Amino acid sequence: MTLIAFNKPMNVLSQFTDEGRWPGLARWIDVPGVYAAGRLDRDSEGLLLLTDDGRLQARITAPGSRTPKTYYALVEGTPDSAALDALRRGVALKDGPTRPAEVAEVAAPDWLWPRDPPVRFRKSVPDAWLRLTITEGRNRQVRRMCAHVGLPVLRLIRWSVGDWTLDGLPAGEWRRL
């Protein structure tokens, strides 16, 4: 069994083939027979697991498995207790209510790498970092949850999936687990 952790940079697809102007994983990972266990949006960064084991892939991604995924989100605005409490209870999105999330306002991570392109900075608009852990994986879920409570996401980094983390893995690099 092969399991790979990849620190996916921004504007890279979670598939091996390029699509239009967006590069695929093949530019970084030359390991035959592996495929992404889940997806990470093109404009999101961080941990993407790849495996050649279908059972492991299903265990990681199946909605019923409730595998926890932790994200760091740079949001526009100042989180208040009402917004954080709503995320903790779960919010009603167009495709149904979300499960409750663990959420905390945190300092900017000390392991953070520069993003290309950089996040736009606006002197007149405050921003803050949130650490969120969810147990489902709907399309653009963290972004939609944060927007729902008035905190649009400027940068989103997946730190962990289950017990696997990005710890010590630079952007654009991968390692076997």
N, C-alpha and C. Protein backbone atom coordinates (compact mmCIF):
# COMPACT_ATOMS: atom_id res chain seq x y z
N MET A 1 0.84 -1.19 0.00
CA MET A 1 0.00 0.00 0.00
C MET A 1 0.88 1.24 0.00
N THR A 2 0.51 2.20 -0.82
CA THR A 2 1.21 3.48 -0.89
C THR A 2 0.28 4.56 -0.36
N LEU A 3 0.81 5.41 0.51
CA LEU A 3 0.09 6.58 0.99
C LEU A 3 1.05 7.75 0.95
N ILE A 4 0.64 8.81 0.31
CA ILE A 4 1.47 9.99 0.10
C ILE A 4 0.76 11.21 0.67
N ALA A 5 1.51 12.05 1.36
CA ALA A 5 1.03 13.37 1.79
C ALA A 5 1.66 14.39 0.85
N PHE A 6 0.84 15.25 0.27
CA PHE A 6 1.31 16.31 -0.63
C PHE A 6 0.81 17.63 -0.09
N ASN A 7 1.71 18.62 -0.03
CA ASN A 7 1.31 19.97 0.37
C ASN A 7 0.99 20.73 -0.91
N LYS A 8 -0.29 20.70 -1.28
CA LYS A 8 -0.76 21.25 -2.55
C LYS A 8 -0.69 22.78 -2.52
N PRO A 9 0.04 23.36 -3.48
CA PRO A 9 0.05 24.82 -3.57
C PRO A 9 -1.28 25.35 -4.13
N MET A 10 -1.46 26.63 -3.97
CA MET A 10 -2.63 27.29 -4.56
C MET A 10 -2.57 27.16 -6.08
N ASN A 11 -3.73 27.10 -6.70
CA ASN A 11 -3.90 27.05 -8.16
C ASN A 11 -3.36 25.77 -8.79
N VAL A 12 -3.36 24.69 -8.00
CA VAL A 12 -3.03 23.36 -8.52
C VAL A 12 -4.28 22.51 -8.36
N LEU A 13 -4.59 21.72 -9.39
CA LEU A 13 -5.78 20.86 -9.36
C LEU A 13 -5.51 19.59 -8.57
N SER A 14 -6.56 18.99 -8.02
CA SER A 14 -6.45 17.72 -7.28
C SER A 14 -6.63 16.53 -8.22
N GLN A 15 -6.09 16.64 -9.42
CA GLN A 15 -6.11 15.58 -10.42
C GLN A 15 -4.76 15.59 -11.11
N PHE A 16 -4.44 14.50 -11.78
CA PHE A 16 -3.10 14.41 -12.36
C PHE A 16 -2.95 15.17 -13.67
N THR A 17 -4.03 15.37 -14.39
CA THR A 17 -3.93 16.05 -15.69
C THR A 17 -4.15 17.55 -15.53
N ASP A 18 -3.40 18.31 -16.35
CA ASP A 18 -3.60 19.76 -16.40
C ASP A 18 -4.96 20.03 -17.03
N GLU A 19 -5.51 21.18 -16.70
CA GLU A 19 -6.78 21.57 -17.30
C GLU A 19 -6.71 23.07 -17.59
N GLY A 20 -6.66 23.40 -18.87
CA GLY A 20 -6.53 24.81 -19.23
C GLY A 20 -5.22 25.35 -18.67
N ARG A 21 -5.33 26.47 -17.97
CA ARG A 21 -4.11 27.09 -17.42
C ARG A 21 -3.73 26.54 -16.05
N TRP A 22 -4.51 25.60 -15.52
CA TRP A 22 -4.25 25.08 -14.17
C TRP A 22 -3.49 23.76 -14.24
N PRO A 23 -2.34 23.70 -13.54
CA PRO A 23 -1.56 22.46 -13.56
C PRO A 23 -2.17 21.38 -12.69
N GLY A 24 -1.91 20.13 -13.07
CA GLY A 24 -2.34 18.98 -12.29
C GLY A 24 -1.20 18.44 -11.44
N LEU A 25 -1.49 17.40 -10.69
CA LEU A 25 -0.54 16.81 -9.74
C LEU A 25 0.68 16.19 -10.41
N ALA A 26 0.57 15.78 -11.67
CA ALA A 26 1.68 15.10 -12.35
C ALA A 26 2.94 15.97 -12.41
N ARG A 27 2.80 17.27 -12.31
CA ARG A 27 3.97 18.15 -12.33
C ARG A 27 4.79 18.02 -11.05
N TRP A 28 4.19 17.47 -9.99
CA TRP A 28 4.86 17.33 -8.70
C TRP A 28 5.09 15.87 -8.30
N ILE A 29 4.16 15.00 -8.65
CA ILE A 29 4.18 13.63 -8.14
C ILE A 29 4.28 12.64 -9.29
N ASP A 30 5.37 11.86 -9.30
CA ASP A 30 5.58 10.85 -10.34
C ASP A 30 5.60 9.47 -9.69
N VAL A 31 4.45 9.10 -9.15
CA VAL A 31 4.29 7.79 -8.51
C VAL A 31 3.12 7.12 -9.21
N PRO A 32 3.36 6.02 -9.92
CA PRO A 32 2.26 5.39 -10.66
C PRO A 32 1.23 4.75 -9.74
N GLY A 33 -0.03 4.79 -10.18
CA GLY A 33 -1.10 4.05 -9.52
C GLY A 33 -1.73 4.71 -8.32
N VAL A 34 -1.32 5.92 -7.95
CA VAL A 34 -1.95 6.58 -6.82
C VAL A 34 -2.98 7.59 -7.32
N TYR A 35 -3.96 7.86 -6.48
CA TYR A 35 -4.98 8.85 -6.80
C TYR A 35 -5.38 9.56 -5.52
N ALA A 36 -5.95 10.74 -5.69
CA ALA A 36 -6.30 11.58 -4.54
C ALA A 36 -7.40 10.93 -3.72
N ALA A 37 -7.21 10.92 -2.42
CA ALA A 37 -8.24 10.46 -1.47
C ALA A 37 -8.97 11.72 -1.02
N GLY A 38 -9.94 12.13 -1.81
CA GLY A 38 -10.64 13.38 -1.57
C GLY A 38 -10.09 14.46 -2.48
N ARG A 39 -10.64 15.64 -2.34
CA ARG A 39 -10.24 16.75 -3.20
C ARG A 39 -9.91 17.95 -2.34
N LEU A 40 -9.17 18.85 -2.94
CA LEU A 40 -8.89 20.14 -2.34
C LEU A 40 -9.04 21.14 -3.47
N ASP A 41 -9.89 22.14 -3.28
CA ASP A 41 -10.17 23.09 -4.36
C ASP A 41 -8.91 23.70 -4.93
N ARG A 42 -8.98 24.10 -6.18
CA ARG A 42 -7.84 24.72 -6.86
C ARG A 42 -7.29 25.89 -6.06
N ASP A 43 -8.18 26.70 -5.49
CA ASP A 43 -7.74 27.91 -4.79
C ASP A 43 -7.49 27.67 -3.30
N SER A 44 -7.46 26.41 -2.87
CA SER A 44 -7.11 26.06 -1.50
C SER A 44 -5.74 25.39 -1.50
N GLU A 45 -5.11 25.41 -0.34
CA GLU A 45 -3.76 24.86 -0.21
C GLU A 45 -3.76 23.80 0.87
N GLY A 46 -2.66 23.06 0.93
CA GLY A 46 -2.46 22.19 2.07
C GLY A 46 -2.51 20.71 1.76
N LEU A 47 -2.84 19.94 2.80
CA LEU A 47 -2.70 18.49 2.77
C LEU A 47 -3.68 17.82 1.81
N LEU A 48 -3.09 17.08 0.88
CA LEU A 48 -3.84 16.22 -0.02
C LEU A 48 -3.22 14.84 0.10
N LEU A 49 -4.03 13.85 0.46
CA LEU A 49 -3.55 12.48 0.57
C LEU A 49 -3.78 11.76 -0.75
N LEU A 50 -2.80 10.94 -1.15
CA LEU A 50 -2.92 10.13 -2.36
C LEU A 50 -2.59 8.70 -1.98
N THR A 51 -3.33 7.76 -2.57
CA THR A 51 -3.12 6.35 -2.24
C THR A 51 -3.42 5.46 -3.43
N ASP A 52 -2.94 4.22 -3.36
CA ASP A 52 -3.31 3.22 -4.35
C ASP A 52 -4.24 2.19 -3.73
N ASP A 53 -4.70 2.44 -2.51
CA ASP A 53 -5.54 1.52 -1.75
C ASP A 53 -6.99 2.02 -1.74
N GLY A 54 -7.86 1.35 -2.49
CA GLY A 54 -9.25 1.77 -2.59
C GLY A 54 -9.99 1.77 -1.27
N ARG A 55 -9.70 0.79 -0.41
CA ARG A 55 -10.37 0.75 0.90
C ARG A 55 -9.97 1.94 1.77
N LEU A 56 -8.69 2.26 1.76
CA LEU A 56 -8.23 3.42 2.53
C LEU A 56 -8.84 4.70 1.97
N GLN A 57 -8.86 4.81 0.66
CA GLN A 57 -9.46 5.99 0.03
C GLN A 57 -10.91 6.13 0.46
N ALA A 58 -11.65 5.04 0.46
CA ALA A 58 -13.06 5.08 0.87
C ALA A 58 -13.19 5.45 2.35
N ARG A 59 -12.32 4.89 3.18
CA ARG A 59 -12.38 5.18 4.61
C ARG A 59 -12.12 6.67 4.89
N ILE A 60 -11.22 7.26 4.12
CA ILE A 60 -10.89 8.67 4.31
C ILE A 60 -12.02 9.56 3.83
N THR A 61 -12.64 9.21 2.70
CA THR A 61 -13.58 10.12 2.05
C THR A 61 -15.05 9.83 2.26
N ALA A 62 -15.42 8.63 2.68
CA ALA A 62 -16.83 8.29 2.82
C ALA A 62 -17.49 9.19 3.86
N PRO A 63 -18.65 9.78 3.53
CA PRO A 63 -19.32 10.68 4.47
C PRO A 63 -19.59 10.03 5.83
N GLY A 64 -19.90 8.75 5.84
CA GLY A 64 -20.20 8.09 7.10
C GLY A 64 -18.99 7.89 8.00
N SER A 65 -17.78 8.02 7.43
CA SER A 65 -16.57 7.80 8.24
C SER A 65 -16.30 8.95 9.19
N ARG A 66 -16.82 10.12 8.85
CA ARG A 66 -16.65 11.31 9.68
C ARG A 66 -15.19 11.62 10.01
N THR A 67 -14.31 11.37 9.06
CA THR A 67 -12.89 11.66 9.24
C THR A 67 -12.71 13.16 9.50
N PRO A 68 -12.10 13.53 10.62
CA PRO A 68 -11.91 14.96 10.89
C PRO A 68 -10.87 15.57 9.97
N LYS A 69 -11.17 16.76 9.49
CA LYS A 69 -10.26 17.53 8.65
C LYS A 69 -10.12 18.91 9.28
N THR A 70 -8.87 19.32 9.53
CA THR A 70 -8.63 20.61 10.17
C THR A 70 -8.06 21.59 9.15
N TYR A 71 -8.61 22.79 9.16
CA TYR A 71 -8.24 23.85 8.23
C TYR A 71 -7.86 25.10 9.00
N TYR A 72 -6.98 25.89 8.41
CA TYR A 72 -6.70 27.24 8.87
C TYR A 72 -7.25 28.16 7.80
N ALA A 73 -8.10 29.09 8.22
CA ALA A 73 -8.75 30.00 7.28
C ALA A 73 -8.45 31.44 7.66
N LEU A 74 -7.90 32.19 6.73
CA LEU A 74 -7.76 33.63 6.90
C LEU A 74 -9.06 34.23 6.40
N VAL A 75 -9.79 34.87 7.31
CA VAL A 75 -11.10 35.41 6.95
C VAL A 75 -11.09 36.92 6.99
N GLU A 76 -11.96 37.50 6.18
CA GLU A 76 -12.13 38.94 6.16
C GLU A 76 -13.16 39.31 7.21
N GLY A 77 -12.80 40.24 8.06
CA GLY A 77 -13.71 40.66 9.12
C GLY A 77 -13.19 40.23 10.48
N THR A 78 -13.95 40.59 11.50
CA THR A 78 -13.61 40.25 12.87
C THR A 78 -14.62 39.24 13.39
N PRO A 79 -14.19 38.03 13.68
CA PRO A 79 -15.13 37.02 14.19
C PRO A 79 -15.69 37.44 15.55
N ASP A 80 -16.99 37.34 15.69
CA ASP A 80 -17.59 37.60 17.00
C ASP A 80 -18.14 36.28 17.54
N SER A 81 -18.58 36.30 18.79
CA SER A 81 -19.04 35.06 19.42
C SER A 81 -20.25 34.48 18.70
N ALA A 82 -21.12 35.31 18.15
CA ALA A 82 -22.30 34.80 17.44
C ALA A 82 -21.89 34.00 16.21
N ALA A 83 -20.92 34.52 15.45
CA ALA A 83 -20.46 33.82 14.24
C ALA A 83 -19.78 32.51 14.61
N LEU A 84 -18.92 32.53 15.62
CA LEU A 84 -18.21 31.32 16.02
C LEU A 84 -19.18 30.29 16.60
N ASP A 85 -20.16 30.75 17.38
CA ASP A 85 -21.15 29.83 17.94
C ASP A 85 -21.99 29.19 16.84
N ALA A 86 -22.33 29.96 15.81
CA ALA A 86 -23.11 29.41 14.70
C ALA A 86 -22.32 28.29 14.01
N LEU A 87 -21.03 28.50 13.79
CA LEU A 87 -20.21 27.47 13.17
C LEU A 87 -20.13 26.24 14.07
N ARG A 88 -20.06 26.46 15.37
CA ARG A 88 -19.98 25.34 16.33
C ARG A 88 -21.27 24.53 16.37
N ARG A 89 -22.39 25.18 16.10
CA ARG A 89 -23.68 24.47 16.09
C ARG A 89 -23.94 23.80 14.76
N GLY A 90 -23.34 24.35 13.69
CA GLY A 90 -23.65 23.93 12.33
C GLY A 90 -24.54 24.99 11.70
N VAL A 91 -24.34 25.22 10.42
CA VAL A 91 -25.11 26.25 9.73
C VAL A 91 -25.93 25.62 8.60
N ALA A 92 -27.00 26.31 8.22
CA ALA A 92 -27.88 25.82 7.17
C ALA A 92 -27.39 26.35 5.82
N LEU A 93 -26.84 25.47 5.00
CA LEU A 93 -26.42 25.85 3.66
C LEU A 93 -27.49 25.40 2.66
N LYS A 94 -27.36 25.80 1.41
CA LYS A 94 -28.36 25.44 0.40
C LYS A 94 -28.52 23.94 0.25
N ASP A 95 -27.43 23.17 0.49
CA ASP A 95 -27.52 21.72 0.36
C ASP A 95 -27.76 21.03 1.71
N GLY A 96 -28.26 21.80 2.68
CA GLY A 96 -28.63 21.22 3.97
C GLY A 96 -27.74 21.69 5.10
N PRO A 97 -28.13 21.36 6.32
CA PRO A 97 -27.35 21.80 7.48
C PRO A 97 -26.01 21.07 7.57
N THR A 98 -25.01 21.77 8.06
CA THR A 98 -23.70 21.15 8.26
C THR A 98 -23.66 20.54 9.66
N ARG A 99 -22.76 19.60 9.83
CA ARG A 99 -22.50 19.09 11.17
C ARG A 99 -21.78 20.19 11.95
N PRO A 100 -21.87 20.15 13.26
CA PRO A 100 -21.14 21.14 14.06
C PRO A 100 -19.64 21.06 13.76
N ALA A 101 -18.99 22.23 13.82
CA ALA A 101 -17.55 22.32 13.60
C ALA A 101 -16.87 22.72 14.91
N GLU A 102 -15.65 22.27 15.08
CA GLU A 102 -14.82 22.84 16.14
C GLU A 102 -14.19 24.07 15.52
N VAL A 103 -14.23 25.20 16.22
CA VAL A 103 -13.68 26.43 15.65
C VAL A 103 -13.09 27.30 16.76
N ALA A 104 -11.98 27.93 16.45
CA ALA A 104 -11.34 28.86 17.37
C ALA A 104 -10.63 29.93 16.56
N GLU A 105 -10.64 31.15 17.08
CA GLU A 105 -9.81 32.20 16.49
C GLU A 105 -8.39 31.96 17.00
N VAL A 106 -7.42 32.01 16.09
CA VAL A 106 -6.03 31.71 16.43
C VAL A 106 -5.11 32.76 15.81
N ALA A 107 -3.86 32.79 16.31
CA ALA A 107 -2.85 33.64 15.70
C ALA A 107 -2.47 33.06 14.34
N ALA A 108 -1.89 33.88 13.50
CA ALA A 108 -1.40 33.38 12.21
C ALA A 108 -0.42 32.23 12.49
N PRO A 109 -0.57 31.11 11.80
CA PRO A 109 0.32 29.97 12.05
C PRO A 109 1.78 30.34 11.82
N ASP A 110 2.67 29.87 12.72
CA ASP A 110 4.10 30.18 12.59
C ASP A 110 4.77 29.34 11.50
N TRP A 111 4.08 28.32 10.99
CA TRP A 111 4.62 27.46 9.94
C TRP A 111 4.18 27.92 8.55
N LEU A 112 3.49 29.03 8.47
CA LEU A 112 2.89 29.49 7.22
C LEU A 112 3.95 29.85 6.17
N TRP A 113 3.72 29.44 4.94
CA TRP A 113 4.61 29.76 3.82
C TRP A 113 3.99 30.90 3.03
N PRO A 114 4.81 31.62 2.26
CA PRO A 114 4.25 32.69 1.42
C PRO A 114 3.35 32.08 0.34
N ARG A 115 2.29 32.77 0.01
CA ARG A 115 1.39 32.28 -1.03
C ARG A 115 1.66 33.01 -2.34
N ASP A 116 1.54 32.28 -3.43
CA ASP A 116 1.69 32.86 -4.75
C ASP A 116 0.41 32.58 -5.54
N PRO A 117 -0.38 33.61 -5.84
CA PRO A 117 -0.16 35.03 -5.56
C PRO A 117 -0.47 35.35 -4.09
N PRO A 118 0.08 36.47 -3.60
CA PRO A 118 -0.18 36.85 -2.20
C PRO A 118 -1.66 37.17 -1.98
N VAL A 119 -2.09 37.04 -0.75
CA VAL A 119 -3.45 37.43 -0.37
C VAL A 119 -3.55 38.94 -0.45
N ARG A 120 -4.65 39.43 -1.00
CA ARG A 120 -4.81 40.89 -1.09
C ARG A 120 -4.93 41.46 0.31
N PHE A 121 -4.29 42.55 0.54
CA PHE A 121 -4.32 43.21 1.84
C PHE A 121 -5.07 44.52 1.71
N ARG A 122 -6.03 44.74 2.60
CA ARG A 122 -6.79 46.00 2.59
C ARG A 122 -6.67 46.62 3.98
N LYS A 123 -6.04 47.78 4.02
CA LYS A 123 -5.78 48.47 5.28
C LYS A 123 -7.06 48.75 6.06
N SER A 124 -8.16 49.01 5.36
CA SER A 124 -9.39 49.41 6.02
C SER A 124 -10.27 48.23 6.45
N VAL A 125 -9.88 47.00 6.09
CA VAL A 125 -10.71 45.84 6.42
C VAL A 125 -9.89 44.87 7.28
N PRO A 126 -10.34 44.61 8.51
CA PRO A 126 -9.59 43.68 9.36
C PRO A 126 -9.71 42.24 8.86
N ASP A 127 -8.75 41.42 9.26
CA ASP A 127 -8.85 40.00 8.96
C ASP A 127 -8.42 39.22 10.20
N ALA A 128 -8.69 37.92 10.18
CA ALA A 128 -8.39 37.07 11.33
C ALA A 128 -8.19 35.64 10.85
N TRP A 129 -7.47 34.85 11.66
CA TRP A 129 -7.29 33.43 11.36
C TRP A 129 -8.22 32.60 12.23
N LEU A 130 -8.84 31.60 11.61
CA LEU A 130 -9.65 30.62 12.32
C LEU A 130 -9.05 29.24 12.10
N ARG A 131 -9.15 28.39 13.10
CA ARG A 131 -8.83 26.97 12.95
C ARG A 131 -10.15 26.23 13.06
N LEU A 132 -10.53 25.51 12.01
CA LEU A 132 -11.81 24.80 11.97
C LEU A 132 -11.57 23.33 11.73
N THR A 133 -12.30 22.49 12.44
CA THR A 133 -12.28 21.06 12.19
C THR A 133 -13.70 20.63 11.85
N ILE A 134 -13.83 19.99 10.69
CA ILE A 134 -15.13 19.50 10.24
C ILE A 134 -15.03 17.98 10.05
N THR A 135 -16.19 17.32 10.03
CA THR A 135 -16.21 15.86 9.87
C THR A 135 -17.01 15.44 8.64
N GLU A 136 -17.15 16.36 7.71
CA GLU A 136 -17.75 16.04 6.42
C GLU A 136 -16.92 16.77 5.38
N GLY A 137 -17.20 16.57 4.13
CA GLY A 137 -16.36 17.19 3.11
C GLY A 137 -17.14 17.62 1.89
N ARG A 138 -18.11 18.47 2.09
CA ARG A 138 -18.89 18.96 0.95
C ARG A 138 -18.08 19.93 0.12
N ASN A 139 -18.54 20.16 -1.11
CA ASN A 139 -17.88 21.07 -2.02
C ASN A 139 -17.76 22.46 -1.40
N ARG A 140 -16.53 22.94 -1.27
CA ARG A 140 -16.23 24.30 -0.77
C ARG A 140 -16.89 24.57 0.59
N GLN A 141 -17.01 23.55 1.40
CA GLN A 141 -17.78 23.64 2.64
C GLN A 141 -17.26 24.70 3.61
N VAL A 142 -15.98 24.71 3.90
CA VAL A 142 -15.46 25.68 4.88
C VAL A 142 -15.68 27.09 4.36
N ARG A 143 -15.43 27.32 3.09
CA ARG A 143 -15.65 28.66 2.52
C ARG A 143 -17.12 29.05 2.64
N ARG A 144 -18.01 28.12 2.33
CA ARG A 144 -19.44 28.45 2.38
C ARG A 144 -19.92 28.67 3.82
N MET A 145 -19.41 27.86 4.76
CA MET A 145 -19.78 28.03 6.16
C MET A 145 -19.34 29.40 6.67
N CYS A 146 -18.10 29.77 6.38
CA CYS A 146 -17.59 31.06 6.85
C CYS A 146 -18.35 32.22 6.20
N ALA A 147 -18.61 32.12 4.91
CA ALA A 147 -19.37 33.18 4.23
C ALA A 147 -20.76 33.31 4.83
N HIS A 148 -21.36 32.19 5.19
CA HIS A 148 -22.70 32.18 5.78
C HIS A 148 -22.76 33.01 7.06
N VAL A 149 -21.67 33.04 7.82
CA VAL A 149 -21.66 33.81 9.07
C VAL A 149 -20.97 35.16 8.89
N GLY A 150 -20.78 35.59 7.63
CA GLY A 150 -20.26 36.93 7.36
C GLY A 150 -18.75 37.05 7.41
N LEU A 151 -18.04 35.94 7.22
CA LEU A 151 -16.57 35.95 7.27
C LEU A 151 -16.00 35.31 6.01
N PRO A 152 -15.98 36.05 4.89
CA PRO A 152 -15.47 35.46 3.66
C PRO A 152 -14.01 35.02 3.81
N VAL A 153 -13.68 33.87 3.22
CA VAL A 153 -12.34 33.30 3.34
C VAL A 153 -11.42 33.91 2.28
N LEU A 154 -10.27 34.40 2.74
CA LEU A 154 -9.24 34.95 1.86
C LEU A 154 -8.17 33.92 1.52
N ARG A 155 -7.91 33.01 2.46
CA ARG A 155 -6.92 31.96 2.26
C ARG A 155 -7.35 30.74 3.07
N LEU A 156 -7.24 29.56 2.46
CA LEU A 156 -7.67 28.34 3.14
C LEU A 156 -6.60 27.26 2.99
N ILE A 157 -6.17 26.73 4.13
CA ILE A 157 -5.12 25.71 4.16
C ILE A 157 -5.61 24.52 4.97
N ARG A 158 -5.60 23.34 4.33
CA ARG A 158 -5.95 22.13 5.10
C ARG A 158 -4.68 21.65 5.80
N TRP A 159 -4.76 21.56 7.12
CA TRP A 159 -3.63 21.16 7.95
C TRP A 159 -3.60 19.65 8.17
N SER A 160 -4.78 19.06 8.36
CA SER A 160 -4.77 17.62 8.66
C SER A 160 -6.02 16.93 8.13
N VAL A 161 -5.85 15.63 7.92
CA VAL A 161 -6.94 14.71 7.59
C VAL A 161 -6.75 13.52 8.53
N GLY A 162 -7.69 13.30 9.42
CA GLY A 162 -7.50 12.26 10.43
C GLY A 162 -6.25 12.55 11.23
N ASP A 163 -5.36 11.56 11.34
CA ASP A 163 -4.12 11.72 12.10
C ASP A 163 -2.95 12.23 11.26
N TRP A 164 -3.15 12.39 9.96
CA TRP A 164 -2.08 12.85 9.07
C TRP A 164 -2.07 14.36 9.00
N THR A 165 -0.87 14.97 9.09
CA THR A 165 -0.75 16.42 9.07
C THR A 165 0.30 16.88 8.06
N LEU A 166 0.35 18.19 7.89
CA LEU A 166 1.35 18.83 7.04
C LEU A 166 2.67 19.06 7.76
N ASP A 167 2.74 18.74 9.01
CA ASP A 167 3.89 19.08 9.85
C ASP A 167 5.22 18.80 9.13
N GLY A 168 6.02 19.85 8.93
CA GLY A 168 7.33 19.72 8.32
C GLY A 168 7.35 19.52 6.82
N LEU A 169 6.21 19.66 6.16
CA LEU A 169 6.14 19.43 4.71
C LEU A 169 5.96 20.77 3.98
N PRO A 170 7.02 21.24 3.29
CA PRO A 170 6.92 22.53 2.59
C PRO A 170 5.92 22.49 1.43
N ALA A 171 5.42 23.66 1.07
CA ALA A 171 4.48 23.77 -0.06
C ALA A 171 5.13 23.21 -1.32
N GLY A 172 4.35 22.41 -2.07
CA GLY A 172 4.82 21.82 -3.31
C GLY A 172 5.66 20.56 -3.12
N GLU A 173 5.81 20.08 -1.89
CA GLU A 173 6.59 18.88 -1.61
C GLU A 173 5.67 17.74 -1.19
N TRP A 174 6.17 16.50 -1.30
CA TRP A 174 5.39 15.33 -0.88
C TRP A 174 6.30 14.35 -0.16
N ARG A 175 5.68 13.46 0.62
CA ARG A 175 6.41 12.40 1.30
C ARG A 175 5.52 11.18 1.42
N ARG A 176 6.18 10.01 1.46
CA ARG A 176 5.45 8.77 1.70
C ARG A 176 5.16 8.66 3.19
N LEU A 177 3.98 8.15 3.50
CA LEU A 177 3.60 7.97 4.91
C LEU A 177 3.66 6.50 5.27
